[in-house]
């Protein structure tokens, strides 16, 4: 009687299982970052935008101070 033991493909089962669970973990991590915002906003906080505008010369120091007072309450 001959028995078939899977031949030389015995490693394929565990490899596929590791790849599957690795993919599930990566997908879950991506979904958490995508739907939670990842702790970042596209433009930054209002004060960061204001500082960037002052640094680039879009607004004057007086305009910066007025806007900062409004934003900080």
Protein backbone atom coordinates (compact mmCIF):
# COMPACT_ATOMS: atom_id res chain seq x y z
CA UNK A 1 0.00 0.00 0.00
CA UNK A 2 1.34 3.47 -0.86
CA UNK A 3 0.83 6.50 1.31
CA UNK A 4 0.96 10.05 0.03
CA UNK A 5 2.64 12.39 2.50
CA UNK A 6 2.31 15.67 0.55
CA UNK A 7 5.68 15.40 -1.09
CA UNK A 8 7.99 18.37 -0.86
CA UNK A 9 5.20 20.94 -0.37
CA UNK A 10 4.86 20.44 3.40
CA UNK A 11 6.00 24.02 4.10
CA UNK A 12 3.29 25.59 1.95
CA UNK A 13 0.49 25.35 4.56
CA UNK A 14 2.29 27.24 7.35
CA UNK A 15 3.66 29.78 4.85
CA UNK A 16 0.19 30.56 3.52
CA UNK A 17 -1.14 30.87 7.08
CA UNK A 18 1.62 33.35 8.06
CA UNK A 19 1.04 35.39 4.90
CA UNK A 20 -2.72 35.44 5.52
CA UNK A 21 -2.48 36.60 9.15
CA UNK A 22 0.24 39.10 8.27
CA UNK A 23 -2.05 40.56 5.62
CA UNK A 24 -4.94 40.75 8.08
CA UNK A 25 -2.75 42.62 10.60
CA UNK A 26 -1.43 45.05 7.98
CA UNK A 27 -4.96 45.69 6.68
CA UNK A 28 -6.26 46.33 10.22
CA UNK A 29 -3.41 48.75 10.98
CA UNK A 30 -4.02 50.59 7.70
CA UNK A 31 -7.76 50.84 8.40
CA UNK A 32 -7.16 52.20 11.91
CA UNK A 33 -4.82 54.89 10.60
CA UNK A 34 -7.06 55.79 7.67
CA UNK A 35 -10.28 56.09 9.66
CA UNK A 36 -8.84 57.68 12.80
CA UNK A 37 -7.02 60.40 10.87
CA UNK A 38 -3.61 59.09 11.91
CA UNK A 39 -3.23 61.92 14.41
CA UNK A 40 -2.47 64.38 11.63
CA UNK A 41 -4.47 66.89 9.70
CA UNK A 42 -3.69 67.90 6.16
CA UNK A 43 -2.88 71.55 6.86
CA UNK A 44 -1.82 71.46 10.50
CA UNK A 45 -3.33 73.40 13.35
CA UNK A 46 -4.56 76.94 12.88
CA UNK A 47 -1.56 78.35 14.72
CA UNK A 48 0.86 76.36 12.56
CA UNK A 49 -0.79 77.72 9.42
CA UNK A 50 -0.65 81.23 10.86
CA UNK A 51 3.06 80.87 11.68
CA UNK A 52 3.76 79.52 8.20
CA UNK A 53 1.95 82.48 6.61
CA UNK A 54 3.96 84.93 8.73
CA UNK A 55 7.22 83.19 7.81
CA UNK A 56 6.43 83.27 4.10
CA UNK A 57 5.51 86.96 4.22
CA UNK A 58 1.83 86.54 3.39
CA UNK A 59 0.81 88.47 6.51
CA UNK A 60 2.43 91.18 8.62
CA UNK A 61 3.48 90.91 12.24
CA UNK A 62 0.42 92.97 13.29
CA UNK A 63 -1.94 90.70 11.36
CA UNK A 64 -0.26 87.69 12.94
CA UNK A 65 -0.68 89.06 16.47
CA UNK A 66 -4.36 89.91 15.88
CA UNK A 67 -5.15 86.49 14.43
CA UNK A 68 -3.21 84.71 17.19
CA UNK A 69 -5.20 86.55 19.87
CA UNK A 70 -8.45 85.55 18.18
CA UNK A 71 -7.41 81.91 17.89
CA UNK A 72 -6.16 81.62 21.46
CA UNK A 73 -9.26 83.28 22.83
